[in-house]
Amino acid sequence: MDKSVIKDLAIQRIYILFRLGVEAVRRGEYTLAQRYGELIRRLAMRARVKIPKGIKRWICKNCNVIMVPGINCRVRTRSEGRVIRLVTRCLVCGWIHRYEFRRKRHVEVQRNSVKAQEDKGSTT
């Protein structure tokens, strides 16, 4: 089989396993959700594909359980100047995950759009 076909198949299976893991968490079967998380990681390593960000951020790095906000994880946001921080805490093992997002200033965005419009006007 072609490598691109294998990678595409692996990503499809990762999405399927993630969906099954979310359903298992909603039923309260955390061991099954943990097994799905382990399988996702092993499948990604075996096929040498990256786990999509939308899935990777919701798998606990400590216990491999799939986290669902409000059921087995707590999600909080912190705003510190230009940085917005998403703090996720796994309620199964207590592990804390922090993800940072940079926020552009409103003034900078306006300046960039004005400069882009001026550049378009001067070239035409």
N, C-alpha and C. Protein backbone atom coordinates (compact mmCIF):
# COMPACT_ATOMS: atom_id res chain seq x y z
N MET A 1 0.83 -1.19 0.00
CA MET A 1 0.00 0.00 0.00
C MET A 1 0.87 1.25 0.00
N ASP A 2 0.35 2.31 -0.55
CA ASP A 2 1.05 3.58 -0.61
C ASP A 2 1.06 4.23 0.78
N LYS A 3 2.15 4.94 1.10
CA LYS A 3 2.29 5.57 2.43
C LYS A 3 1.21 6.61 2.68
N SER A 4 0.83 7.35 1.64
CA SER A 4 -0.19 8.38 1.83
C SER A 4 -1.55 7.75 2.16
N VAL A 5 -1.82 6.58 1.60
CA VAL A 5 -3.07 5.88 1.89
C VAL A 5 -3.06 5.41 3.34
N ILE A 6 -1.93 4.90 3.80
CA ILE A 6 -1.81 4.43 5.18
C ILE A 6 -2.00 5.59 6.16
N LYS A 7 -1.37 6.74 5.87
CA LYS A 7 -1.50 7.89 6.75
C LYS A 7 -2.93 8.41 6.79
N ASP A 8 -3.58 8.44 5.64
CA ASP A 8 -4.96 8.89 5.58
C ASP A 8 -5.87 7.95 6.36
N LEU A 9 -5.64 6.67 6.22
CA LEU A 9 -6.43 5.67 6.95
C LEU A 9 -6.20 5.80 8.45
N ALA A 10 -4.96 6.05 8.86
CA ALA A 10 -4.64 6.21 10.28
C ALA A 10 -5.36 7.42 10.87
N ILE A 11 -5.38 8.53 10.14
CA ILE A 11 -6.06 9.73 10.64
C ILE A 11 -7.56 9.49 10.75
N GLN A 12 -8.13 8.77 9.78
CA GLN A 12 -9.56 8.45 9.86
C GLN A 12 -9.85 7.60 11.09
N ARG A 13 -8.98 6.64 11.38
CA ARG A 13 -9.18 5.77 12.54
C ARG A 13 -8.99 6.54 13.84
N ILE A 14 -8.08 7.54 13.85
CA ILE A 14 -7.89 8.37 15.03
C ILE A 14 -9.18 9.11 15.35
N TYR A 15 -9.81 9.69 14.33
CA TYR A 15 -11.08 10.39 14.54
C TYR A 15 -12.17 9.45 15.05
N ILE A 16 -12.22 8.24 14.52
CA ILE A 16 -13.21 7.26 14.96
C ILE A 16 -12.97 6.87 16.42
N LEU A 17 -11.71 6.60 16.78
CA LEU A 17 -11.39 6.23 18.16
C LEU A 17 -11.69 7.37 19.12
N PHE A 18 -11.44 8.61 18.70
CA PHE A 18 -11.73 9.74 19.56
C PHE A 18 -13.23 9.86 19.81
N ARG A 19 -14.01 9.70 18.76
CA ARG A 19 -15.47 9.75 18.91
C ARG A 19 -15.97 8.66 19.86
N LEU A 20 -15.42 7.45 19.71
CA LEU A 20 -15.79 6.35 20.61
C LEU A 20 -15.38 6.64 22.04
N GLY A 21 -14.22 7.29 22.21
CA GLY A 21 -13.74 7.64 23.55
C GLY A 21 -14.64 8.66 24.22
N VAL A 22 -15.11 9.64 23.46
CA VAL A 22 -16.02 10.65 24.03
C VAL A 22 -17.32 9.99 24.47
N GLU A 23 -17.82 9.08 23.65
CA GLU A 23 -19.05 8.36 24.02
C GLU A 23 -18.83 7.51 25.27
N ALA A 24 -17.65 6.88 25.40
CA ALA A 24 -17.35 6.07 26.57
C ALA A 24 -17.29 6.93 27.83
N VAL A 25 -16.71 8.13 27.73
CA VAL A 25 -16.65 9.03 28.88
C VAL A 25 -18.06 9.44 29.29
N ARG A 26 -18.91 9.73 28.33
CA ARG A 26 -20.28 10.13 28.66
C ARG A 26 -21.05 9.01 29.34
N ARG A 27 -20.69 7.76 29.05
CA ARG A 27 -21.32 6.62 29.72
C ARG A 27 -20.68 6.34 31.07
N GLY A 28 -19.52 6.95 31.35
CA GLY A 28 -18.84 6.75 32.63
C GLY A 28 -17.79 5.64 32.60
N GLU A 29 -17.44 5.15 31.43
CA GLU A 29 -16.45 4.08 31.30
C GLU A 29 -15.07 4.68 31.03
N TYR A 30 -14.40 5.12 32.11
CA TYR A 30 -13.12 5.82 31.97
C TYR A 30 -11.98 4.89 31.55
N THR A 31 -12.02 3.63 31.94
CA THR A 31 -10.97 2.70 31.53
C THR A 31 -11.00 2.47 30.02
N LEU A 32 -12.21 2.40 29.48
CA LEU A 32 -12.34 2.23 28.04
C LEU A 32 -11.87 3.48 27.30
N ALA A 33 -12.21 4.66 27.84
CA ALA A 33 -11.75 5.92 27.24
C ALA A 33 -10.22 6.03 27.31
N GLN A 34 -9.65 5.52 28.39
CA GLN A 34 -8.19 5.52 28.52
C GLN A 34 -7.56 4.60 27.48
N ARG A 35 -8.16 3.48 27.25
CA ARG A 35 -7.66 2.53 26.24
C ARG A 35 -7.73 3.16 24.85
N TYR A 36 -8.82 3.87 24.54
CA TYR A 36 -8.93 4.54 23.25
C TYR A 36 -7.84 5.61 23.09
N GLY A 37 -7.55 6.33 24.18
CA GLY A 37 -6.48 7.33 24.13
C GLY A 37 -5.13 6.71 23.86
N GLU A 38 -4.85 5.56 24.49
CA GLU A 38 -3.60 4.85 24.25
C GLU A 38 -3.52 4.37 22.80
N LEU A 39 -4.64 3.85 22.29
CA LEU A 39 -4.66 3.36 20.91
C LEU A 39 -4.43 4.50 19.91
N ILE A 40 -4.98 5.68 20.20
CA ILE A 40 -4.76 6.82 19.32
C ILE A 40 -3.28 7.16 19.25
N ARG A 41 -2.63 7.22 20.41
CA ARG A 41 -1.19 7.54 20.43
C ARG A 41 -0.36 6.48 19.72
N ARG A 42 -0.65 5.21 19.98
CA ARG A 42 0.11 4.13 19.34
C ARG A 42 -0.10 4.10 17.83
N LEU A 43 -1.33 4.34 17.40
CA LEU A 43 -1.63 4.36 15.97
C LEU A 43 -0.90 5.50 15.27
N ALA A 44 -0.86 6.66 15.92
CA ALA A 44 -0.17 7.81 15.34
C ALA A 44 1.33 7.54 15.24
N MET A 45 1.91 6.93 16.27
CA MET A 45 3.34 6.62 16.22
C MET A 45 3.64 5.57 15.16
N ARG A 46 2.80 4.57 15.08
CA ARG A 46 3.01 3.48 14.13
C ARG A 46 2.94 3.97 12.69
N ALA A 47 1.97 4.84 12.40
CA ALA A 47 1.79 5.34 11.04
C ALA A 47 2.61 6.60 10.77
N ARG A 48 3.28 7.11 11.81
CA ARG A 48 4.09 8.33 11.72
C ARG A 48 3.27 9.52 11.23
N VAL A 49 2.14 9.72 11.89
CA VAL A 49 1.30 10.88 11.59
C VAL A 49 1.13 11.69 12.88
N LYS A 50 0.90 12.99 12.71
CA LYS A 50 0.63 13.84 13.86
C LYS A 50 -0.83 13.70 14.24
N ILE A 51 -1.07 13.69 15.54
CA ILE A 51 -2.45 13.69 16.02
C ILE A 51 -2.98 15.11 15.83
N PRO A 52 -4.14 15.28 15.21
CA PRO A 52 -4.67 16.63 15.01
C PRO A 52 -4.82 17.38 16.33
N LYS A 53 -4.58 18.71 16.31
CA LYS A 53 -4.62 19.52 17.53
C LYS A 53 -5.96 19.41 18.24
N GLY A 54 -7.02 19.35 17.47
CA GLY A 54 -8.34 19.26 18.07
C GLY A 54 -8.55 18.00 18.88
N ILE A 55 -7.76 16.99 18.62
CA ILE A 55 -7.84 15.74 19.38
C ILE A 55 -6.73 15.68 20.42
N LYS A 56 -5.53 16.08 20.05
CA LYS A 56 -4.37 15.96 20.94
C LYS A 56 -4.56 16.73 22.25
N ARG A 57 -5.21 17.89 22.16
CA ARG A 57 -5.42 18.71 23.35
C ARG A 57 -6.43 18.12 24.30
N TRP A 58 -7.22 17.16 23.86
CA TRP A 58 -8.23 16.58 24.71
C TRP A 58 -7.88 15.16 25.15
N ILE A 59 -6.62 14.78 25.02
CA ILE A 59 -6.13 13.52 25.56
C ILE A 59 -5.15 13.87 26.66
N CYS A 60 -5.38 13.37 27.86
CA CYS A 60 -4.51 13.68 29.00
C CYS A 60 -3.13 13.07 28.76
N LYS A 61 -2.10 13.88 28.96
CA LYS A 61 -0.74 13.41 28.74
C LYS A 61 -0.25 12.51 29.86
N ASN A 62 -0.94 12.52 30.99
CA ASN A 62 -0.51 11.71 32.13
C ASN A 62 -1.19 10.35 32.16
N CYS A 63 -2.53 10.33 32.05
CA CYS A 63 -3.26 9.06 32.19
C CYS A 63 -3.88 8.59 30.88
N ASN A 64 -3.73 9.33 29.79
CA ASN A 64 -4.22 8.98 28.45
C ASN A 64 -5.73 8.88 28.32
N VAL A 65 -6.47 9.37 29.29
CA VAL A 65 -7.92 9.34 29.18
C VAL A 65 -8.37 10.48 28.27
N ILE A 66 -9.44 10.26 27.54
CA ILE A 66 -9.98 11.31 26.69
C ILE A 66 -10.82 12.22 27.57
N MET A 67 -10.53 13.52 27.51
CA MET A 67 -11.17 14.48 28.40
C MET A 67 -12.36 15.14 27.70
N VAL A 68 -13.47 15.22 28.41
CA VAL A 68 -14.68 15.88 27.92
C VAL A 68 -15.01 16.98 28.93
N PRO A 69 -15.02 18.24 28.49
CA PRO A 69 -15.29 19.33 29.43
C PRO A 69 -16.63 19.17 30.15
N GLY A 70 -16.59 19.37 31.46
CA GLY A 70 -17.79 19.27 32.27
C GLY A 70 -18.05 17.88 32.81
N ILE A 71 -17.39 16.88 32.26
CA ILE A 71 -17.59 15.51 32.74
C ILE A 71 -16.35 15.03 33.49
N ASN A 72 -15.21 15.01 32.82
CA ASN A 72 -14.00 14.56 33.50
C ASN A 72 -12.85 15.55 33.36
N CYS A 73 -13.14 16.78 32.99
CA CYS A 73 -12.12 17.82 32.98
C CYS A 73 -12.75 19.17 33.22
N ARG A 74 -11.94 20.07 33.77
CA ARG A 74 -12.38 21.43 34.05
C ARG A 74 -11.59 22.37 33.16
N VAL A 75 -12.27 23.29 32.50
CA VAL A 75 -11.63 24.23 31.57
C VAL A 75 -11.83 25.64 32.09
N ARG A 76 -10.73 26.38 32.21
CA ARG A 76 -10.77 27.77 32.65
C ARG A 76 -9.94 28.60 31.68
N THR A 77 -10.28 29.88 31.56
CA THR A 77 -9.47 30.78 30.75
C THR A 77 -8.88 31.85 31.66
N ARG A 78 -7.65 32.26 31.35
CA ARG A 78 -6.99 33.32 32.08
C ARG A 78 -6.49 34.34 31.07
N SER A 79 -6.71 35.59 31.37
CA SER A 79 -6.26 36.65 30.49
C SER A 79 -5.21 37.46 31.22
N GLU A 80 -4.01 37.51 30.64
CA GLU A 80 -2.89 38.25 31.23
C GLU A 80 -2.26 39.10 30.14
N GLY A 81 -2.72 40.34 30.01
CA GLY A 81 -2.19 41.22 28.98
C GLY A 81 -2.56 40.74 27.60
N ARG A 82 -1.54 40.51 26.77
CA ARG A 82 -1.80 40.04 25.40
C ARG A 82 -2.04 38.54 25.33
N VAL A 83 -1.75 37.84 26.40
CA VAL A 83 -1.80 36.38 26.37
C VAL A 83 -3.10 35.88 26.99
N ILE A 84 -3.76 34.99 26.28
CA ILE A 84 -4.90 34.27 26.83
C ILE A 84 -4.45 32.84 27.07
N ARG A 85 -4.70 32.34 28.27
CA ARG A 85 -4.26 31.01 28.62
C ARG A 85 -5.48 30.13 28.87
N LEU A 86 -5.50 28.97 28.24
CA LEU A 86 -6.55 27.98 28.47
C LEU A 86 -5.98 26.94 29.43
N VAL A 87 -6.58 26.82 30.60
CA VAL A 87 -6.10 25.90 31.62
C VAL A 87 -7.10 24.75 31.72
N THR A 88 -6.63 23.56 31.44
CA THR A 88 -7.47 22.37 31.47
C THR A 88 -6.95 21.44 32.55
N ARG A 89 -7.84 20.99 33.43
CA ARG A 89 -7.45 20.08 34.51
C ARG A 89 -8.20 18.76 34.36
N CYS A 90 -7.44 17.69 34.28
CA CYS A 90 -8.04 16.34 34.19
C CYS A 90 -8.55 15.97 35.58
N LEU A 91 -9.82 15.63 35.70
CA LEU A 91 -10.40 15.28 36.99
C LEU A 91 -10.19 13.82 37.34
N VAL A 92 -9.60 13.05 36.43
CA VAL A 92 -9.30 11.64 36.70
C VAL A 92 -7.99 11.53 37.47
N CYS A 93 -6.94 12.23 36.97
CA CYS A 93 -5.62 12.13 37.60
C CYS A 93 -5.14 13.44 38.22
N GLY A 94 -5.79 14.57 37.89
CA GLY A 94 -5.40 15.85 38.45
C GLY A 94 -4.35 16.60 37.65
N TRP A 95 -3.97 16.09 36.51
CA TRP A 95 -2.94 16.72 35.68
C TRP A 95 -3.47 18.03 35.10
N ILE A 96 -2.60 19.06 35.07
CA ILE A 96 -3.00 20.38 34.57
C ILE A 96 -2.30 20.64 33.25
N HIS A 97 -3.06 21.06 32.25
CA HIS A 97 -2.54 21.40 30.93
C HIS A 97 -2.77 22.88 30.70
N ARG A 98 -1.75 23.58 30.22
CA ARG A 98 -1.89 25.01 29.94
C ARG A 98 -1.54 25.26 28.48
N TYR A 99 -2.43 25.94 27.77
CA TYR A 99 -2.20 26.30 26.38
C TYR A 99 -2.29 27.81 26.26
N GLU A 100 -1.31 28.43 25.61
CA GLU A 100 -1.28 29.88 25.46
C GLU A 100 -1.70 30.28 24.05
N PHE A 101 -2.41 31.38 23.99
CA PHE A 101 -2.81 31.96 22.72
C PHE A 101 -2.44 33.44 22.75
N ARG A 102 -1.78 33.92 21.73
CA ARG A 102 -1.43 35.35 21.66
C ARG A 102 -2.60 36.10 21.02
N ARG A 103 -2.87 37.25 21.59
CA ARG A 103 -3.97 38.07 21.10
C ARG A 103 -3.37 39.30 20.42
N LYS A 104 -3.82 39.61 19.22
CA LYS A 104 -3.36 40.82 18.53
C LYS A 104 -4.11 42.01 19.09
N ARG A 105 -3.42 43.12 19.18
CA ARG A 105 -4.07 44.34 19.63
C ARG A 105 -4.99 44.87 18.55
N HIS A 106 -6.06 45.48 18.97
CA HIS A 106 -7.04 46.02 18.03
C HIS A 106 -6.42 47.12 17.17
N VAL A 107 -5.54 47.94 17.78
CA VAL A 107 -4.90 49.04 17.06
C VAL A 107 -3.98 48.50 15.97
N GLU A 108 -3.22 47.44 16.29
CA GLU A 108 -2.31 46.86 15.31
C GLU A 108 -3.07 46.29 14.12
N VAL A 109 -4.20 45.69 14.38
CA VAL A 109 -5.01 45.11 13.31
C VAL A 109 -5.51 46.23 12.40
N GLN A 110 -5.94 47.35 12.99
CA GLN A 110 -6.41 48.47 12.18
C GLN A 110 -5.28 49.05 11.34
N ARG A 111 -4.09 49.22 11.94
CA ARG A 111 -2.95 49.77 11.19
C ARG A 111 -2.59 48.89 10.01
N ASN A 112 -2.57 47.57 10.24
CA ASN A 112 -2.23 46.64 9.17
C ASN A 112 -3.24 46.70 8.04
N SER A 113 -4.53 46.84 8.36
CA SER A 113 -5.54 46.91 7.31
C SER A 113 -5.44 48.23 6.55
N VAL A 114 -5.12 49.32 7.25
CA VAL A 114 -4.97 50.62 6.57
C VAL A 114 -3.76 50.60 5.65
N LYS A 115 -2.64 50.01 6.11
CA LYS A 115 -1.44 49.90 5.28
C LYS A 115 -1.71 49.06 4.04
N ALA A 116 -2.46 47.97 4.22
CA ALA A 116 -2.77 47.10 3.09
C ALA A 116 -3.62 47.84 2.06
N GLN A 117 -4.55 48.65 2.51
CA GLN A 117 -5.39 49.41 1.59
C GLN A 117 -4.57 50.47 0.87
N GLU A 118 -3.61 51.13 1.58
CA GLU A 118 -2.76 52.13 0.95
C GLU A 118 -1.87 51.50 -0.11
N ASP A 119 -1.34 50.30 0.19
CA ASP A 119 -0.49 49.61 -0.77
C ASP A 119 -1.26 49.25 -2.03
N LYS A 120 -2.50 48.84 -1.87
CA LYS A 120 -3.33 48.50 -3.03
C LYS A 120 -3.62 49.74 -3.86
N GLY A 121 -3.85 50.86 -3.19
CA GLY A 121 -4.13 52.11 -3.89
C GLY A 121 -2.96 52.63 -4.66
N SER A 122 -1.72 52.43 -4.14
CA SER A 122 -0.52 52.95 -4.81
C SER A 122 -0.11 52.07 -5.99
N THR A 123 -0.45 50.80 -5.98
CA THR A 123 -0.05 49.89 -7.06
C THR A 123 -1.00 49.98 -8.24
N THR A 124 -2.23 50.44 -8.03
CA THR A 124 -3.19 50.49 -9.14
C THR A 124 -3.25 51.83 -9.78
